[in-house]
Amino acid sequence: MSKLMTNVIETISVIREKTDKIYSVGIVLGTGLGGLVNEIEIDFEIDYSNLPHFVQSTVESHNGKLIFGNLNNKDVVVMQGRFHYYEGYSMQEITYPIRVMKLLGVETIFISNACGGMNPLYRRGDLMIMNDHINLLGDNPLIGKNEDEFGPRFPDMSEPYNYKLIALAEIIALENKIKVHQGSYVAVSGPNLETKAEYRFLRTIGADVVGMSTIPECIVANHMGMKVFGISIITDECFPDSLKAVELSEILEAAKSAEPKMTKIIKEMIGRM
């Protein structure tokens, strides 16, 4: 048994002291997006500090809790606060909770984030369903010895975000008159925001939005055969010719205002799965 599997089993044993449920759905809540928790019938929650081998979330608005409960008649496990590469953690540490979710029974994972919009058709407060991504983090959580107990050496990434889940989200958005885009997300290391030249470059290579997360979790989830749905809230407009300085408070405000739309889509998706 690998060291990673041993660690995951140790983490699972702490959780199993509280529940023996199989949680089929996992959710990762990004910057300013913790409000979805208010929709969940919570069974219990565990601080990351009380889970073996979990690191700590250091970013404002990331509460640092693993929450277990029921959302729209599905048992769910939710990360209220994620980890980022720019916090100084390794890719393996960032994605460790996804490994734990898999062993709890998670088959489908919903990943959310706040991002900057570079597509000129996007506006602050819009939602973008992720249908592809570009990894410019400079690292990959699968580098090193392959964890054969979890997945193959060379996992396919031709469909990183599940097409059927994307189609379901589009239907729900239409029914609820919620404006959504589909596009590609590029992840950079951060923590600084980008320069005008960098925004031009990222747009040129095919990205619609830019952020600092999500892709590591997506890669690891695909490595383990999980279905992934990714959704972004555009919290600032990153148009080089009219670029303005942005504060974290503005990003959090935009995320908070758009969050109910994201919550509506995810909640209904889970109910129809």
C-alpha atoms as a PDB file:
ATOM      1  CA  MET A   1       0.000   0.000   0.000  1.00  0.00           C
ATOM      2  CA  SER A   2       1.379   3.414  -0.980  1.00  0.00           C
ATOM      3  CA  LYS A   3       2.101   6.186   1.513  1.00  0.00           C
ATOM      4  CA  LEU A   4      -0.675   8.271  -0.073  1.00  0.00           C
ATOM      5  CA  MET A   5      -3.236   5.501   0.322  1.00  0.00           C
ATOM      6  CA  THR A   6      -2.136   4.961   3.929  1.00  0.00           C
ATOM      7  CA  ASN A   7      -2.604   8.668   4.660  1.00  0.00           C
ATOM      8  CA  VAL A   8      -6.019   8.777   2.992  1.00  0.00           C
ATOM      9  CA  ILE A   9      -7.173   5.779   5.006  1.00  0.00           C
ATOM     10  CA  GLU A  10      -6.028   7.518   8.199  1.00  0.00           C
ATOM     11  CA  THR A  11      -8.088  10.591   7.251  1.00  0.00           C
ATOM     12  CA  ILE A  12     -11.101   8.453   6.347  1.00  0.00           C
ATOM     13  CA  SER A  13     -10.921   6.669   9.711  1.00  0.00           C
ATOM     14  CA  VAL A  14     -11.478   9.988  11.528  1.00  0.00           C
ATOM     15  CA  ILE A  15     -14.500  10.730   9.346  1.00  0.00           C
ATOM     16  CA  ARG A  16     -15.884   7.226   9.796  1.00  0.00           C
ATOM     17  CA  GLU A  17     -16.026   7.811  13.537  1.00  0.00           C
ATOM     18  CA  LYS A  18     -18.931  10.146  12.744  1.00  0.00           C
ATOM     19  CA  THR A  19     -20.664   8.509   9.791  1.00  0.00           C
ATOM     20  CA  ASP A  20     -20.834   5.379   7.673  1.00  0.00           C
ATOM     21  CA  LYS A  21     -22.696   7.048   4.788  1.00  0.00           C
ATOM     22  CA  ILE A  22     -21.516   6.855   1.210  1.00  0.00           C
ATOM     23  CA  TYR A  23     -21.267  10.393  -0.174  1.00  0.00           C
ATOM     24  CA  SER A  24     -21.769  10.303  -3.950  1.00  0.00           C
ATOM     25  CA  VAL A  25     -21.343  14.037  -4.595  1.00  0.00           C
ATOM     26  CA  GLY A  26     -18.402  16.289  -3.741  1.00  0.00           C
ATOM     27  CA  ILE A  27     -18.327  20.090  -3.924  1.00  0.00           C
ATOM     28  CA  VAL A  28     -15.356  22.464  -3.802  1.00  0.00           C
ATOM     29  CA  LEU A  29     -16.306  26.060  -2.965  1.00  0.00           C
ATOM     30  CA  GLY A  30     -14.023  28.822  -4.204  1.00  0.00           C
ATOM     31  CA  THR A  31     -13.250  32.387  -3.142  1.00  0.00           C
ATOM     32  CA  GLY A  32     -16.331  34.113  -1.754  1.00  0.00           C
ATOM     33  CA  LEU A  33     -18.565  31.167  -2.636  1.00  0.00           C
ATOM     34  CA  GLY A  34     -19.152  29.527   0.741  1.00  0.00           C
ATOM     35  CA  GLY A  35     -22.825  30.480   0.854  1.00  0.00           C
ATOM     36  CA  LEU A  36     -23.955  27.257  -0.824  1.00  0.00           C
ATOM     37  CA  VAL A  37     -23.502  25.694   2.589  1.00  0.00           C
ATOM     38  CA  ASN A  38     -26.665  27.511   3.720  1.00  0.00           C
ATOM     39  CA  GLU A  39     -28.659  25.272   1.356  1.00  0.00           C
ATOM     40  CA  ILE A  40     -27.336  22.063   2.892  1.00  0.00           C
ATOM     41  CA  GLU A  41     -28.981  20.038   5.645  1.00  0.00           C
ATOM     42  CA  ILE A  42     -25.775  19.613   7.624  1.00  0.00           C
ATOM     43  CA  ASP A  43     -25.106  16.360   9.458  1.00  0.00           C
ATOM     44  CA  PHE A  44     -21.754  17.467  10.846  1.00  0.00           C
ATOM     45  CA  GLU A  45     -18.615  19.374   9.929  1.00  0.00           C
ATOM     46  CA  ILE A  46     -14.930  18.906  10.650  1.00  0.00           C
ATOM     47  CA  ASP A  47     -12.285  21.637  10.695  1.00  0.00           C
ATOM     48  CA  TYR A  48      -9.350  20.877   8.445  1.00  0.00           C
ATOM     49  CA  SER A  49      -7.122  21.179  11.503  1.00  0.00           C
ATOM     50  CA  ASN A  50      -8.794  18.055  12.915  1.00  0.00           C
ATOM     51  CA  LEU A  51      -8.237  15.936   9.817  1.00  0.00           C
ATOM     52  CA  PRO A  52      -4.915  14.074   9.538  1.00  0.00           C
ATOM     53  CA  HIS A  53      -2.797  15.094   6.542  1.00  0.00           C
ATOM     54  CA  PHE A  54      -4.979  18.094   5.618  1.00  0.00           C
ATOM     55  CA  VAL A  55      -3.181  21.421   5.288  1.00  0.00           C
ATOM     56  CA  GLN A  56      -4.810  24.690   6.344  1.00  0.00           C
ATOM     57  CA  SER A  57      -6.624  27.244   4.188  1.00  0.00           C
ATOM     58  CA  THR A  58      -5.003  30.656   4.659  1.00  0.00           C
ATOM     59  CA  VAL A  59      -7.047  32.769   2.237  1.00  0.00           C
ATOM     60  CA  GLU A  60      -9.727  35.236   3.317  1.00  0.00           C
ATOM     61  CA  SER A  61     -13.281  33.846   2.765  1.00  0.00           C
ATOM     62  CA  HIS A  62     -12.042  30.234   2.841  1.00  0.00           C
ATOM     63  CA  ASN A  63     -13.403  28.869   6.119  1.00  0.00           C
ATOM     64  CA  GLY A  64     -11.435  25.638   6.205  1.00  0.00           C
ATOM     65  CA  LYS A  65     -14.133  23.065   6.933  1.00  0.00           C
ATOM     66  CA  LEU A  66     -15.211  19.751   5.468  1.00  0.00           C
ATOM     67  CA  ILE A  67     -19.002  19.674   5.638  1.00  0.00           C
ATOM     68  CA  PHE A  68     -21.189  16.578   5.414  1.00  0.00           C
ATOM     69  CA  GLY A  69     -24.914  16.713   4.747  1.00  0.00           C
ATOM     70  CA  ASN A  70     -27.768  16.465   2.295  1.00  0.00           C
ATOM     71  CA  LEU A  71     -28.491  18.743  -0.669  1.00  0.00           C
ATOM     72  CA  ASN A  72     -31.597  18.144  -2.754  1.00  0.00           C
ATOM     73  CA  ASN A  73     -31.880  14.524  -1.554  1.00  0.00           C
ATOM     74  CA  LYS A  74     -28.244  13.664  -2.228  1.00  0.00           C
ATOM     75  CA  ASP A  75     -25.583  13.018   0.403  1.00  0.00           C
ATOM     76  CA  VAL A  76     -22.786  15.506  -0.221  1.00  0.00           C
ATOM     77  CA  VAL A  77     -19.349  16.323   1.152  1.00  0.00           C
ATOM     78  CA  VAL A  78     -18.283  19.940   0.731  1.00  0.00           C
ATOM     79  CA  MET A  79     -14.952  21.714   0.966  1.00  0.00           C
ATOM     80  CA  GLN A  80     -15.784  25.134   2.410  1.00  0.00           C
ATOM     81  CA  GLY A  81     -12.469  26.619   1.420  1.00  0.00           C
ATOM     82  CA  ARG A  82      -9.821  25.149  -0.872  1.00  0.00           C
ATOM     83  CA  PHE A  83      -6.041  25.213  -1.007  1.00  0.00           C
ATOM     84  CA  HIS A  84      -3.971  27.119  -3.575  1.00  0.00           C
ATOM     85  CA  TYR A  85      -0.523  26.664  -5.065  1.00  0.00           C
ATOM     86  CA  TYR A  86       0.392  30.256  -4.140  1.00  0.00           C
ATOM     87  CA  GLU A  87      -0.114  29.449  -0.452  1.00  0.00           C
ATOM     88  CA  GLY A  88       3.093  27.443  -0.686  1.00  0.00           C
ATOM     89  CA  TYR A  89       1.495  24.003  -0.780  1.00  0.00           C
ATOM     90  CA  SER A  90       2.488  21.211  -3.130  1.00  0.00           C
ATOM     91  CA  MET A  91       0.127  20.042  -5.824  1.00  0.00           C
ATOM     92  CA  GLN A  92      -0.310  16.811  -3.891  1.00  0.00           C
ATOM     93  CA  GLU A  93      -1.354  18.717  -0.760  1.00  0.00           C
ATOM     94  CA  ILE A  94      -3.792  20.873  -2.729  1.00  0.00           C
ATOM     95  CA  THR A  95      -5.524  17.850  -4.214  1.00  0.00           C
ATOM     96  CA  TYR A  96      -5.380  15.545  -1.194  1.00  0.00           C
ATOM     97  CA  PRO A  97      -9.044  16.255  -0.238  1.00  0.00           C
ATOM     98  CA  ILE A  98     -10.154  15.044  -3.687  1.00  0.00           C
ATOM     99  CA  ARG A  99      -8.458  11.714  -2.975  1.00  0.00           C
ATOM    100  CA  VAL A 100     -10.329  11.551   0.337  1.00  0.00           C
ATOM    101  CA  MET A 101     -13.631  12.323  -1.385  1.00  0.00           C
ATOM    102  CA  LYS A 102     -13.094   9.433  -3.793  1.00  0.00           C
ATOM    103  CA  LEU A 103     -12.716   6.953  -0.943  1.00  0.00           C
ATOM    104  CA  LEU A 104     -15.848   8.365   0.696  1.00  0.00           C
ATOM    105  CA  GLY A 105     -17.749   7.299  -2.416  1.00  0.00           C
ATOM    106  CA  VAL A 106     -17.790  10.508  -4.455  1.00  0.00           C
ATOM    107  CA  GLU A 107     -18.431   9.835  -8.143  1.00  0.00           C
ATOM    108  CA  THR A 108     -19.264  13.372  -9.275  1.00  0.00           C
ATOM    109  CA  ILE A 109     -17.522  16.532  -8.154  1.00  0.00           C
ATOM    110  CA  PHE A 110     -18.595  20.163  -8.583  1.00  0.00           C
ATOM    111  CA  ILE A 111     -15.748  22.685  -8.568  1.00  0.00           C
ATOM    112  CA  SER A 112     -16.377  26.431  -8.340  1.00  0.00           C
ATOM    113  CA  ASN A 113     -14.087  29.421  -8.514  1.00  0.00           C
ATOM    114  CA  ALA A 114     -13.897  33.189  -8.823  1.00  0.00           C
ATOM    115  CA  CYS A 115     -12.031  34.365 -11.901  1.00  0.00           C
ATOM    116  CA  GLY A 116     -11.158  37.287 -14.136  1.00  0.00           C
ATOM    117  CA  GLY A 117     -13.014  37.589 -17.429  1.00  0.00           C
ATOM    118  CA  MET A 118     -10.928  38.165 -20.569  1.00  0.00           C
ATOM    119  CA  ASN A 119     -13.508  37.319 -23.222  1.00  0.00           C
ATOM    120  CA  PRO A 120     -14.928  40.699 -24.340  1.00  0.00           C
ATOM    121  CA  LEU A 121     -18.456  39.255 -24.244  1.00  0.00           C
ATOM    122  CA  TYR A 122     -18.177  38.515 -20.505  1.00  0.00           C
ATOM    123  CA  ARG A 123     -19.083  40.944 -17.748  1.00  0.00           C
ATOM    124  CA  ARG A 124     -18.535  41.150 -14.004  1.00  0.00           C
ATOM    125  CA  GLY A 125     -21.077  38.942 -12.230  1.00  0.00           C
ATOM    126  CA  ASP A 126     -21.568  36.549 -15.180  1.00  0.00           C
ATOM    127  CA  LEU A 127     -21.265  32.775 -14.831  1.00  0.00           C
ATOM    128  CA  MET A 128     -19.092  30.623 -17.066  1.00  0.00           C
ATOM    129  CA  ILE A 129     -19.452  26.853 -17.312  1.00  0.00           C
ATOM    130  CA  MET A 130     -16.009  25.376 -17.830  1.00  0.00           C
ATOM    131  CA  ASN A 131     -15.726  23.140 -20.903  1.00  0.00           C
ATOM    132  CA  ASP A 132     -11.928  23.073 -21.103  1.00  0.00           C
ATOM    133  CA  HIS A 133      -8.813  24.447 -19.439  1.00  0.00           C
ATOM    134  CA  ILE A 134      -5.171  25.415 -19.882  1.00  0.00           C
ATOM    135  CA  ASN A 135      -2.704  24.583 -17.108  1.00  0.00           C
ATOM    136  CA  LEU A 136      -0.071  27.323 -16.714  1.00  0.00           C
ATOM    137  CA  LEU A 137       0.542  26.689 -13.020  1.00  0.00           C
ATOM    138  CA  GLY A 138       3.963  25.291 -13.833  1.00  0.00           C
ATOM    139  CA  ASP A 139       3.280  22.035 -12.015  1.00  0.00           C
ATOM    140  CA  ASN A 140       0.993  19.008 -12.086  1.00  0.00           C
ATOM    141  CA  PRO A 141      -0.355  16.916  -9.187  1.00  0.00           C
ATOM    142  CA  LEU A 142       0.434  13.670 -11.043  1.00  0.00           C
ATOM    143  CA  ILE A 143       4.171  14.322 -11.381  1.00  0.00           C
ATOM    144  CA  GLY A 144       6.200  11.679  -9.583  1.00  0.00           C
ATOM    145  CA  LYS A 145       5.521   7.999  -9.022  1.00  0.00           C
ATOM    146  CA  ASN A 146       2.054   7.126 -10.237  1.00  0.00           C
ATOM    147  CA  GLU A 147      -0.444   6.192  -7.542  1.00  0.00           C
ATOM    148  CA  ASP A 148      -1.641   3.004  -9.248  1.00  0.00           C
ATOM    149  CA  GLU A 149      -4.246   2.390  -6.533  1.00  0.00           C
ATOM    150  CA  PHE A 150      -6.012   5.570  -7.625  1.00  0.00           C
ATOM    151  CA  GLY A 151      -5.619   5.732 -11.388  1.00  0.00           C
ATOM    152  CA  PRO A 152      -3.500   5.198 -14.531  1.00  0.00           C
ATOM    153  CA  ARG A 153      -0.109   6.690 -15.313  1.00  0.00           C
ATOM    154  CA  PHE A 154      -1.455   8.616 -18.316  1.00  0.00           C
ATOM    155  CA  PRO A 155      -5.078   9.633 -17.662  1.00  0.00           C
ATOM    156  CA  ASP A 156      -7.038  10.899 -20.657  1.00  0.00           C
ATOM    157  CA  MET A 157      -8.075  14.552 -20.537  1.00  0.00           C
ATOM    158  CA  SER A 158     -10.095  14.828 -23.759  1.00  0.00           C
ATOM    159  CA  GLU A 159     -13.198  15.501 -21.647  1.00  0.00           C
ATOM    160  CA  PRO A 160     -11.953  17.156 -18.440  1.00  0.00           C
ATOM    161  CA  TYR A 161     -15.430  18.521 -17.673  1.00  0.00           C
ATOM    162  CA  ASN A 162     -18.292  16.086 -18.226  1.00  0.00           C
ATOM    163  CA  TYR A 163     -20.336  16.913 -21.331  1.00  0.00           C
ATOM    164  CA  LYS A 164     -23.586  15.526 -19.918  1.00  0.00           C
ATOM    165  CA  LEU A 165     -23.268  17.658 -16.798  1.00  0.00           C
ATOM    166  CA  ILE A 166     -22.541  20.716 -18.945  1.00  0.00           C
ATOM    167  CA  ALA A 167     -25.689  20.045 -21.004  1.00  0.00           C
ATOM    168  CA  LEU A 168     -27.761  19.626 -17.836  1.00  0.00           C
ATOM    169  CA  ALA A 169     -26.445  22.924 -16.465  1.00  0.00           C
ATOM    170  CA  GLU A 170     -27.347  24.712 -19.698  1.00  0.00           C
ATOM    171  CA  ILE A 171     -30.915  23.357 -19.503  1.00  0.00           C
ATOM    172  CA  ILE A 172     -31.312  24.449 -15.880  1.00  0.00           C
ATOM    173  CA  ALA A 173     -29.874  27.890 -16.596  1.00  0.00           C
ATOM    174  CA  LEU A 174     -32.297  28.343 -19.494  1.00  0.00           C
ATOM    175  CA  GLU A 175     -35.275  27.229 -17.410  1.00  0.00           C
ATOM    176  CA  ASN A 176     -34.349  29.694 -14.677  1.00  0.00           C
ATOM    177  CA  LYS A 177     -33.419  32.530 -17.067  1.00  0.00           C
ATOM    178  CA  ILE A 178     -29.849  32.591 -15.786  1.00  0.00           C
ATOM    179  CA  LYS A 179     -27.276  33.902 -18.249  1.00  0.00           C
ATOM    180  CA  VAL A 180     -24.328  31.527 -18.608  1.00  0.00           C
ATOM    181  CA  HIS A 181     -21.336  31.267 -20.914  1.00  0.00           C
ATOM    182  CA  GLN A 182     -19.258  28.253 -21.846  1.00  0.00           C
ATOM    183  CA  GLY A 183     -15.531  28.641 -22.149  1.00  0.00           C
ATOM    184  CA  SER A 184     -11.959  27.775 -21.278  1.00  0.00           C
ATOM    185  CA  TYR A 185     -10.311  28.538 -17.943  1.00  0.00           C
ATOM    186  CA  VAL A 186      -6.583  29.136 -17.629  1.00  0.00           C
ATOM    187  CA  ALA A 187      -4.863  28.716 -14.265  1.00  0.00           C
ATOM    188  CA  VAL A 188      -1.754  30.696 -13.334  1.00  0.00           C
ATOM    189  CA  SER A 189       0.168  30.498 -10.087  1.00  0.00           C
ATOM    190  CA  GLY A 190      -0.608  33.959  -8.666  1.00  0.00           C
ATOM    191  CA  PRO A 191      -0.998  35.435  -6.138  1.00  0.00           C
ATOM    192  CA  ASN A 192      -0.573  38.687  -8.069  1.00  0.00           C
ATOM    193  CA  LEU A 193      -3.124  39.585 -10.695  1.00  0.00           C
ATOM    194  CA  GLU A 194      -1.920  39.758 -14.282  1.00  0.00           C
ATOM    195  CA  THR A 195      -0.389  42.568 -16.306  1.00  0.00           C
ATOM    196  CA  LYS A 196      -1.986  43.944 -19.462  1.00  0.00           C
ATOM    197  CA  ALA A 197       0.503  42.038 -21.616  1.00  0.00           C
ATOM    198  CA  GLU A 198      -0.232  38.812 -19.738  1.00  0.00           C
ATOM    199  CA  TYR A 199      -3.974  39.229 -20.260  1.00  0.00           C
ATOM    200  CA  ARG A 200      -3.375  39.730 -23.976  1.00  0.00           C
ATOM    201  CA  PHE A 201      -1.200  36.612 -24.090  1.00  0.00           C
ATOM    202  CA  LEU A 202      -3.696  34.455 -22.167  1.00  0.00           C
ATOM    203  CA  ARG A 203      -6.559  35.574 -24.390  1.00  0.00           C
ATOM    204  CA  THR A 204      -4.479  34.898 -27.511  1.00  0.00           C
ATOM    205  CA  ILE A 205      -3.782  31.277 -26.517  1.00  0.00           C
ATOM    206  CA  GLY A 206      -7.497  30.560 -26.148  1.00  0.00           C
ATOM    207  CA  ALA A 207      -8.532  31.324 -22.575  1.00  0.00           C
ATOM    208  CA  ASP A 208     -11.808  33.066 -21.757  1.00  0.00           C
ATOM    209  CA  VAL A 209     -11.161  33.524 -18.036  1.00  0.00           C
ATOM    210  CA  VAL A 210      -8.160  33.344 -15.718  1.00  0.00           C
ATOM    211  CA  GLY A 211      -7.826  32.089 -12.155  1.00  0.00           C
ATOM    212  CA  MET A 212      -5.438  30.441  -9.705  1.00  0.00           C
ATOM    213  CA  SER A 213      -7.138  27.142  -8.834  1.00  0.00           C
ATOM    214  CA  THR A 214      -9.470  24.350 -10.014  1.00  0.00           C
ATOM    215  CA  ILE A 215      -7.231  22.646 -12.569  1.00  0.00           C
ATOM    216  CA  PRO A 216      -5.239  20.572 -10.032  1.00  0.00           C
ATOM    217  CA  GLU A 217      -8.487  19.253  -8.523  1.00  0.00           C
ATOM    218  CA  CYS A 218      -9.863  18.537 -11.991  1.00  0.00           C
ATOM    219  CA  ILE A 219      -6.763  16.589 -13.031  1.00  0.00           C
ATOM    220  CA  VAL A 220      -6.796  14.426  -9.909  1.00  0.00           C
ATOM    221  CA  ALA A 221     -10.544  13.820 -10.171  1.00  0.00           C
ATOM    222  CA  ASN A 222     -10.111  12.662 -13.766  1.00  0.00           C
ATOM    223  CA  HIS A 223      -7.175  10.490 -12.695  1.00  0.00           C
ATOM    224  CA  MET A 224      -9.588   8.641 -10.393  1.00  0.00           C
ATOM    225  CA  GLY A 225     -12.423   8.396 -12.917  1.00  0.00           C
ATOM    226  CA  MET A 226     -14.701  10.993 -11.319  1.00  0.00           C
ATOM    227  CA  LYS A 227     -17.107  13.139 -13.330  1.00  0.00           C
ATOM    228  CA  VAL A 228     -16.248  16.835 -13.049  1.00  0.00           C
ATOM    229  CA  PHE A 229     -18.395  19.938 -13.414  1.00  0.00           C
ATOM    230  CA  GLY A 230     -16.651  23.306 -13.215  1.00  0.00           C
ATOM    231  CA  ILE A 231     -18.261  26.720 -12.899  1.00  0.00           C
ATOM    232  CA  SER A 232     -16.705  30.169 -12.616  1.00  0.00           C
ATOM    233  CA  ILE A 233     -18.051  33.468 -11.350  1.00  0.00           C
ATOM    234  CA  ILE A 234     -16.473  36.371 -13.205  1.00  0.00           C
ATOM    235  CA  THR A 235     -15.546  38.834 -10.477  1.00  0.00           C
ATOM    236  CA  ASP A 236     -13.542  41.360 -12.501  1.00  0.00           C
ATOM    237  CA  GLU A 237     -13.123  42.395 -16.120  1.00  0.00           C
ATOM    238  CA  CYS A 238      -9.611  41.931 -17.460  1.00  0.00           C
ATOM    239  CA  PHE A 239      -9.649  43.901 -20.697  1.00  0.00           C
ATOM    240  CA  PRO A 240      -6.126  45.264 -21.319  1.00  0.00           C
ATOM    241  CA  ASP A 241      -7.156  48.499 -23.012  1.00  0.00           C
ATOM    242  CA  SER A 242      -9.440  49.542 -20.138  1.00  0.00           C
ATOM    243  CA  LEU A 243      -7.813  47.736 -17.231  1.00  0.00           C
ATOM    244  CA  LYS A 244      -8.392  49.129 -13.756  1.00  0.00           C
ATOM    245  CA  ALA A 245      -6.881  48.167 -10.412  1.00  0.00           C
ATOM    246  CA  VAL A 246      -9.085  45.812  -8.398  1.00  0.00           C
ATOM    247  CA  GLU A 247      -9.244  45.132  -4.658  1.00  0.00           C
ATOM    248  CA  LEU A 248     -10.054  41.810  -2.963  1.00  0.00           C
ATOM    249  CA  SER A 249     -13.146  43.414  -1.421  1.00  0.00           C
ATOM    250  CA  GLU A 250     -14.510  44.085  -4.912  1.00  0.00           C
ATOM    251  CA  ILE A 251     -13.862  40.491  -5.957  1.00  0.00           C
ATOM    252  CA  LEU A 252     -15.666  39.159  -2.875  1.00  0.00           C
ATOM    253  CA  GLU A 253     -18.576  41.534  -3.467  1.00  0.00           C
ATOM    254  CA  ALA A 254     -18.986  40.357  -7.058  1.00  0.00           C
ATOM    255  CA  ALA A 255     -18.788  36.715  -5.995  1.00  0.00           C
ATOM    256  CA  LYS A 256     -21.411  37.246  -3.299  1.00  0.00           C
ATOM    257  CA  SER A 257     -23.836  38.972  -5.666  1.00  0.00           C
ATOM    258  CA  ALA A 258     -23.588  36.241  -8.323  1.00  0.00           C
ATOM    259  CA  GLU A 259     -23.464  33.298  -5.928  1.00  0.00           C
ATOM    260  CA  PRO A 260     -27.256  32.718  -5.723  1.00  0.00           C
ATOM    261  CA  LYS A 261     -27.319  31.977  -9.473  1.00  0.00           C
ATOM    262  CA  MET A 262     -24.490  29.486  -9.161  1.00  0.00           C
ATOM    263  CA  THR A 263     -26.124  27.899  -6.120  1.00  0.00           C
ATOM    264  CA  LYS A 264     -29.409  27.513  -8.014  1.00  0.00           C
ATOM    265  CA  ILE A 265     -27.736  25.710 -10.896  1.00  0.00           C
ATOM    266  CA  ILE A 266     -25.667  23.351  -8.735  1.00  0.00           C
ATOM    267  CA  LYS A 267     -28.551  22.547  -6.396  1.00  0.00           C
ATOM    268  CA  GLU A 268     -30.895  21.656  -9.252  1.00  0.00           C
ATOM    269  CA  MET A 269     -28.204  19.670 -11.054  1.00  0.00           C
ATOM    270  CA  ILE A 270     -27.628  17.545  -7.970  1.00  0.00           C
ATOM    271  CA  GLY A 271     -31.355  16.958  -7.595  1.00  0.00           C
ATOM    272  CA  ARG A 272     -31.681  15.726 -11.196  1.00  0.00           C
ATOM    273  CA  MET A 273     -28.629  13.482 -11.251  1.00  0.00           C
END
